[in-house]
Amino acid sequence: MEIDHDTLVAFAKTFGLFYLMAMAGLVTLYALWPSNGKRFDRAAKSVLDDEEGPCR
Protein backbone atom coordinates (compact mmCIF):
# COMPACT_ATOMS: atom_id res chain seq x y z
CA MET A 1 0.00 0.00 0.00
CA GLU A 2 1.46 3.29 -1.10
CA ILE A 3 0.69 6.45 0.86
CA ASP A 4 0.68 9.56 -1.25
CA HIS A 5 1.46 13.06 -0.06
CA ASP A 6 -2.18 14.25 0.03
CA THR A 7 -3.24 11.36 2.28
CA LEU A 8 -0.38 12.00 4.66
CA VAL A 9 -1.16 15.74 4.82
CA ALA A 10 -4.85 15.07 5.52
CA PHE A 11 -3.94 12.59 8.26
CA ALA A 12 -1.49 15.02 9.86
CA LYS A 13 -3.97 17.91 9.73
CA THR A 14 -6.77 15.85 11.26
CA PHE A 15 -5.00 13.95 14.01
CA GLY A 16 -2.43 16.67 14.60
CA LEU A 17 -5.27 18.98 15.59
CA PHE A 18 -6.66 16.40 18.04
CA TYR A 19 -3.18 15.83 19.46
CA LEU A 20 -2.65 19.57 19.94
CA MET A 21 -6.05 19.99 21.60
CA ALA A 22 -5.39 17.08 23.96
CA MET A 23 -1.95 18.43 24.95
CA ALA A 24 -3.36 21.93 25.53
CA GLY A 25 -6.11 20.47 27.71
CA LEU A 26 -3.65 18.44 29.78
CA VAL A 27 -1.34 21.41 30.31
CA THR A 28 -4.30 23.58 31.34
CA LEU A 29 -5.53 20.95 33.79
CA TYR A 30 -2.05 20.63 35.28
CA ALA A 31 -1.68 24.38 35.68
CA LEU A 32 -5.11 24.85 37.24
CA TRP A 33 -5.16 21.74 39.44
CA PRO A 34 -5.82 22.92 43.04
CA SER A 35 -3.03 20.90 44.65
CA ASN A 36 -0.42 22.54 42.38
CA GLY A 37 -1.27 26.06 43.57
CA LYS A 38 1.08 26.00 46.56
CA ARG A 39 3.93 24.71 44.41
CA PHE A 40 3.48 27.48 41.85
CA ASP A 41 3.15 30.17 44.53
CA ARG A 42 6.34 28.96 46.21
CA ALA A 43 8.19 28.96 42.89
CA ALA A 44 7.01 32.48 42.08
CA LYS A 45 8.03 33.84 45.48
CA SER A 46 11.37 32.02 45.60
CA VAL A 47 12.70 34.18 42.79
CA LEU A 48 11.92 37.33 44.76
CA ASP A 49 13.23 35.97 48.08
CA ASP A 50 16.72 35.31 46.66
CA GLU A 51 17.33 38.93 45.74
CA GLU A 52 19.53 40.95 48.06
CA GLY A 53 18.78 44.31 46.53
CA PRO A 54 18.87 46.23 43.28
CA CYS A 55 21.65 45.56 40.80
CA ARG A 56 24.35 48.22 40.71
PDB file of N, CA and C in Angstrom:
ATOM      1  N   MET A   1       0.841  -1.183   0.000  1.00  0.00           N
ATOM      2  CA  MET A   1       0.000   0.000   0.000  1.00  0.00           C
ATOM      3  C   MET A   1       0.885   1.245   0.000  1.00  0.00           C
ATOM      4  N   GLU A   2       0.665   2.082  -0.955  1.00  0.00           N
ATOM      5  CA  GLU A   2       1.463   3.290  -1.096  1.00  0.00           C
ATOM      6  C   GLU A   2       0.674   4.493  -0.556  1.00  0.00           C
ATOM      7  N   ILE A   3       1.317   5.264   0.296  1.00  0.00           N
ATOM      8  CA  ILE A   3       0.687   6.455   0.864  1.00  0.00           C
ATOM      9  C   ILE A   3       1.193   7.661   0.092  1.00  0.00           C
ATOM     10  N   ASP A   4       0.248   8.380  -0.507  1.00  0.00           N
ATOM     11  CA  ASP A   4       0.677   9.555  -1.246  1.00  0.00           C
ATOM     12  C   ASP A   4       0.702  10.780  -0.331  1.00  0.00           C
ATOM     13  N   HIS A   5       1.241  11.848  -0.839  1.00  0.00           N
ATOM     14  CA  HIS A   5       1.461  13.063  -0.058  1.00  0.00           C
ATOM     15  C   HIS A   5       0.140  13.648   0.454  1.00  0.00           C
ATOM     16  N   ASP A   6      -0.895  13.668  -0.370  1.00  0.00           N
ATOM     17  CA  ASP A   6      -2.177  14.253   0.028  1.00  0.00           C
ATOM     18  C   ASP A   6      -2.816  13.490   1.190  1.00  0.00           C
ATOM     19  N   THR A   7      -2.703  12.171   1.187  1.00  0.00           N
ATOM     20  CA  THR A   7      -3.245  11.364   2.275  1.00  0.00           C
ATOM     21  C   THR A   7      -2.494  11.633   3.572  1.00  0.00           C
ATOM     22  N   LEU A   8      -1.199  11.726   3.484  1.00  0.00           N
ATOM     23  CA  LEU A   8      -0.385  11.995   4.659  1.00  0.00           C
ATOM     24  C   LEU A   8      -0.670  13.384   5.222  1.00  0.00           C
ATOM     25  N   VAL A   9      -0.844  14.374   4.370  1.00  0.00           N
ATOM     26  CA  VAL A   9      -1.159  15.739   4.817  1.00  0.00           C
ATOM     27  C   VAL A   9      -2.521  15.766   5.494  1.00  0.00           C
ATOM     28  N   ALA A  10      -3.514  15.100   4.928  1.00  0.00           N
ATOM     29  CA  ALA A  10      -4.851  15.065   5.523  1.00  0.00           C
ATOM     30  C   ALA A  10      -4.818  14.376   6.885  1.00  0.00           C
ATOM     31  N   PHE A  11      -4.074  13.299   6.991  1.00  0.00           N
ATOM     32  CA  PHE A  11      -3.944  12.591   8.263  1.00  0.00           C
ATOM     33  C   PHE A  11      -3.279  13.478   9.308  1.00  0.00           C
ATOM     34  N   ALA A  12      -2.204  14.158   8.926  1.00  0.00           N
ATOM     35  CA  ALA A  12      -1.486  15.022   9.862  1.00  0.00           C
ATOM     36  C   ALA A  12      -2.358  16.205  10.295  1.00  0.00           C
ATOM     37  N   LYS A  13      -3.111  16.776   9.387  1.00  0.00           N
ATOM     38  CA  LYS A  13      -3.970  17.906   9.735  1.00  0.00           C
ATOM     39  C   LYS A  13      -5.091  17.474  10.673  1.00  0.00           C
ATOM     40  N   THR A  14      -5.659  16.319  10.446  1.00  0.00           N
ATOM     41  CA  THR A  14      -6.774  15.850  11.261  1.00  0.00           C
ATOM     42  C   THR A  14      -6.309  15.429  12.653  1.00  0.00           C
ATOM     43  N   PHE A  15      -5.410  14.488  12.719  1.00  0.00           N
ATOM     44  CA  PHE A  15      -5.003  13.952  14.007  1.00  0.00           C
ATOM     45  C   PHE A  15      -4.001  14.851  14.714  1.00  0.00           C
ATOM     46  N   GLY A  16      -3.299  15.681  13.975  1.00  0.00           N
ATOM     47  CA  GLY A  16      -2.432  16.666  14.597  1.00  0.00           C
ATOM     48  C   GLY A  16      -3.242  17.677  15.391  1.00  0.00           C
ATOM     49  N   LEU A  17      -4.390  18.057  14.872  1.00  0.00           N
ATOM     50  CA  LEU A  17      -5.275  18.976  15.586  1.00  0.00           C
ATOM     51  C   LEU A  17      -5.775  18.348  16.876  1.00  0.00           C
ATOM     52  N   PHE A  18      -6.191  17.083  16.826  1.00  0.00           N
ATOM     53  CA  PHE A  18      -6.663  16.403  18.036  1.00  0.00           C
ATOM     54  C   PHE A  18      -5.541  16.250  19.056  1.00  0.00           C
ATOM     55  N   TYR A  19      -4.337  15.961  18.583  1.00  0.00           N
ATOM     56  CA  TYR A  19      -3.179  15.826  19.463  1.00  0.00           C
ATOM     57  C   TYR A  19      -2.888  17.158  20.145  1.00  0.00           C
ATOM     58  N   LEU A  20      -2.905  18.244  19.382  1.00  0.00           N
ATOM     59  CA  LEU A  20      -2.646  19.571  19.936  1.00  0.00           C
ATOM     60  C   LEU A  20      -3.713  19.968  20.949  1.00  0.00           C
ATOM     61  N   MET A  21      -4.960  19.677  20.666  1.00  0.00           N
ATOM     62  CA  MET A  21      -6.049  19.992  21.596  1.00  0.00           C
ATOM     63  C   MET A  21      -5.915  19.183  22.880  1.00  0.00           C
ATOM     64  N   ALA A  22      -5.553  17.922  22.773  1.00  0.00           N
ATOM     65  CA  ALA A  22      -5.387  17.085  23.962  1.00  0.00           C
ATOM     66  C   ALA A  22      -4.225  17.579  24.817  1.00  0.00           C
ATOM     67  N   MET A  23      -3.108  17.928  24.195  1.00  0.00           N
ATOM     68  CA  MET A  23      -1.955  18.434  24.949  1.00  0.00           C
ATOM     69  C   MET A  23      -2.287  19.763  25.627  1.00  0.00           C
ATOM     70  N   ALA A  24      -2.982  20.643  24.938  1.00  0.00           N
ATOM     71  CA  ALA A  24      -3.358  21.928  25.528  1.00  0.00           C
ATOM     72  C   ALA A  24      -4.294  21.714  26.712  1.00  0.00           C
ATOM     73  N   GLY A  25      -5.208  20.769  26.602  1.00  0.00           N
ATOM     74  CA  GLY A  25      -6.108  20.467  27.707  1.00  0.00           C
ATOM     75  C   GLY A  25      -5.374  19.907  28.910  1.00  0.00           C
ATOM     76  N   LEU A  26      -4.423  19.019  28.677  1.00  0.00           N
ATOM     77  CA  LEU A  26      -3.655  18.439  29.776  1.00  0.00           C
ATOM     78  C   LEU A  26      -2.792  19.484  30.472  1.00  0.00           C
ATOM     79  N   VAL A  27      -2.171  20.359  29.715  1.00  0.00           N
ATOM     80  CA  VAL A  27      -1.340  21.412  30.312  1.00  0.00           C
ATOM     81  C   VAL A  27      -2.208  22.366  31.123  1.00  0.00           C
ATOM     82  N   THR A  28      -3.384  22.698  30.611  1.00  0.00           N
ATOM     83  CA  THR A  28      -4.302  23.580  31.340  1.00  0.00           C
ATOM     84  C   THR A  28      -4.770  22.926  32.636  1.00  0.00           C
ATOM     85  N   LEU A  29      -5.122  21.655  32.577  1.00  0.00           N
ATOM     86  CA  LEU A  29      -5.533  20.946  33.787  1.00  0.00           C
ATOM     87  C   LEU A  29      -4.412  20.906  34.819  1.00  0.00           C
ATOM     88  N   TYR A  30      -3.187  20.662  34.361  1.00  0.00           N
ATOM     89  CA  TYR A  30      -2.052  20.629  35.277  1.00  0.00           C
ATOM     90  C   TYR A  30      -1.841  21.991  35.935  1.00  0.00           C
ATOM     91  N   ALA A  31      -1.928  23.041  35.149  1.00  0.00           N
ATOM     92  CA  ALA A  31      -1.679  24.381  35.680  1.00  0.00           C
ATOM     93  C   ALA A  31      -2.775  24.829  36.639  1.00  0.00           C
ATOM     94  N   LEU A  32      -3.991  24.399  36.412  1.00  0.00           N
ATOM     95  CA  LEU A  32      -5.111  24.855  37.239  1.00  0.00           C
ATOM     96  C   LEU A  32      -5.522  23.865  38.322  1.00  0.00           C
ATOM     97  N   TRP A  33      -4.831  22.742  38.430  1.00  0.00           N
ATOM     98  CA  TRP A  33      -5.160  21.737  39.440  1.00  0.00           C
ATOM     99  C   TRP A  33      -4.933  22.345  40.834  1.00  0.00           C
ATOM    100  N   PRO A  34      -5.914  22.244  41.736  1.00  0.00           N
ATOM    101  CA  PRO A  34      -5.818  22.917  43.037  1.00  0.00           C
ATOM    102  C   PRO A  34      -4.593  22.532  43.867  1.00  0.00           C
ATOM    103  N   SER A  35      -4.164  21.308  43.826  1.00  0.00           N
ATOM    104  CA  SER A  35      -3.027  20.902  44.652  1.00  0.00           C
ATOM    105  C   SER A  35      -1.702  21.460  44.136  1.00  0.00           C
ATOM    106  N   ASN A  36      -1.649  21.966  42.915  1.00  0.00           N
ATOM    107  CA  ASN A  36      -0.422  22.545  42.380  1.00  0.00           C
ATOM    108  C   ASN A  36      -0.287  24.022  42.716  1.00  0.00           C
ATOM    109  N   GLY A  37      -1.298  24.632  43.279  1.00  0.00           N
ATOM    110  CA  GLY A  37      -1.272  26.060  43.574  1.00  0.00           C
ATOM    111  C   GLY A  37      -0.160  26.453  44.524  1.00  0.00           C
ATOM    112  N   LYS A  38       0.024  25.677  45.584  1.00  0.00           N
ATOM    113  CA  LYS A  38       1.079  25.998  46.556  1.00  0.00           C
ATOM    114  C   LYS A  38       2.460  25.887  45.917  1.00  0.00           C
ATOM    115  N   ARG A  39       2.641  24.895  45.084  1.00  0.00           N
ATOM    116  CA  ARG A  39       3.932  24.706  44.414  1.00  0.00           C
ATOM    117  C   ARG A  39       4.245  25.893  43.506  1.00  0.00           C
ATOM    118  N   PHE A  40       3.258  26.359  42.746  1.00  0.00           N
ATOM    119  CA  PHE A  40       3.478  27.483  41.845  1.00  0.00           C
ATOM    120  C   PHE A  40       3.682  28.779  42.617  1.00  0.00           C
ATOM    121  N   ASP A  41       2.954  28.975  43.705  1.00  0.00           N
ATOM    122  CA  ASP A  41       3.148  30.172  44.526  1.00  0.00           C
ATOM    123  C   ASP A  41       4.545  30.195  45.136  1.00  0.00           C
ATOM    124  N   ARG A  42       4.996  29.050  45.622  1.00  0.00           N
ATOM    125  CA  ARG A  42       6.337  28.960  46.209  1.00  0.00           C
ATOM    126  C   ARG A  42       7.409  29.235  45.154  1.00  0.00           C
ATOM    127  N   ALA A  43       7.221  28.725  43.963  1.00  0.00           N
ATOM    128  CA  ALA A  43       8.191  28.955  42.886  1.00  0.00           C
ATOM    129  C   ALA A  43       8.220  30.424  42.480  1.00  0.00           C
ATOM    130  N   ALA A  44       7.060  31.068  42.457  1.00  0.00           N
ATOM    131  CA  ALA A  44       7.010  32.477  42.079  1.00  0.00           C
ATOM    132  C   ALA A  44       7.660  33.361  43.138  1.00  0.00           C
ATOM    133  N   LYS A  45       7.469  33.025  44.395  1.00  0.00           N
ATOM    134  CA  LYS A  45       8.029  33.837  45.478  1.00  0.00           C
ATOM    135  C   LYS A  45       9.504  33.544  45.717  1.00  0.00           C
ATOM    136  N   SER A  46       9.977  32.365  45.352  1.00  0.00           N
ATOM    137  CA  SER A  46      11.374  32.016  45.603  1.00  0.00           C
ATOM    138  C   SER A  46      12.311  32.883  44.772  1.00  0.00           C
ATOM    139  N   VAL A  47      11.877  33.322  43.623  1.00  0.00           N
ATOM    140  CA  VAL A  47      12.704  34.184  42.790  1.00  0.00           C
ATOM    141  C   VAL A  47      12.893  35.526  43.478  1.00  0.00           C
ATOM    142  N   LEU A  48      11.843  36.037  44.089  1.00  0.00           N
ATOM    143  CA  LEU A  48      11.918  37.332  44.757  1.00  0.00           C
ATOM    144  C   LEU A  48      12.659  37.245  46.081  1.00  0.00           C
ATOM    145  N   ASP A  49      12.584  36.120  46.781  1.00  0.00           N
ATOM    146  CA  ASP A  49      13.234  35.966  48.075  1.00  0.00           C
ATOM    147  C   ASP A  49      14.756  35.906  47.963  1.00  0.00           C
ATOM    148  N   ASP A  50      15.271  35.461  46.827  1.00  0.00           N
ATOM    149  CA  ASP A  50      16.715  35.310  46.663  1.00  0.00           C
ATOM    150  C   ASP A  50      17.436  36.635  46.389  1.00  0.00           C
ATOM    151  N   GLU A  51      16.688  37.664  46.067  1.00  0.00           N
ATOM    152  CA  GLU A  51      17.329  38.933  45.742  1.00  0.00           C
ATOM    153  C   GLU A  51      17.804  39.646  47.008  1.00  0.00           C
ATOM    154  N   GLU A  52      18.975  40.208  46.927  1.00  0.00           N
ATOM    155  CA  GLU A  52      19.528  40.947  48.064  1.00  0.00           C
ATOM    156  C   GLU A  52      19.302  42.454  47.918  1.00  0.00           C
ATOM    157  N   GLY A  53      19.011  42.901  46.766  1.00  0.00           N
ATOM    158  CA  GLY A  53      18.781  44.313  46.531  1.00  0.00           C
ATOM    159  C   GLY A  53      18.876  44.624  45.055  1.00  0.00           C
ATOM    160  N   PRO A  54      18.790  45.875  44.694  1.00  0.00           N
ATOM    161  CA  PRO A  54      18.870  46.227  43.283  1.00  0.00           C
ATOM    162  C   PRO A  54      20.287  46.026  42.719  1.00  0.00           C
ATOM    163  N   CYS A  55      20.343  45.731  41.442  1.00  0.00           N
ATOM    164  CA  CYS A  55      21.646  45.565  40.795  1.00  0.00           C
ATOM    165  C   CYS A  55      22.320  46.917  40.634  1.00  0.00           C
ATOM    166  N   ARG A  56      23.599  46.954  40.851  1.00  0.00           N
ATOM    167  CA  ARG A  56      24.350  48.217  40.713  1.00  0.00           C
ATOM    168  C   ARG A  56      25.513  48.013  39.792  1.00  0.00           C
TER     169      ARG A  56
END
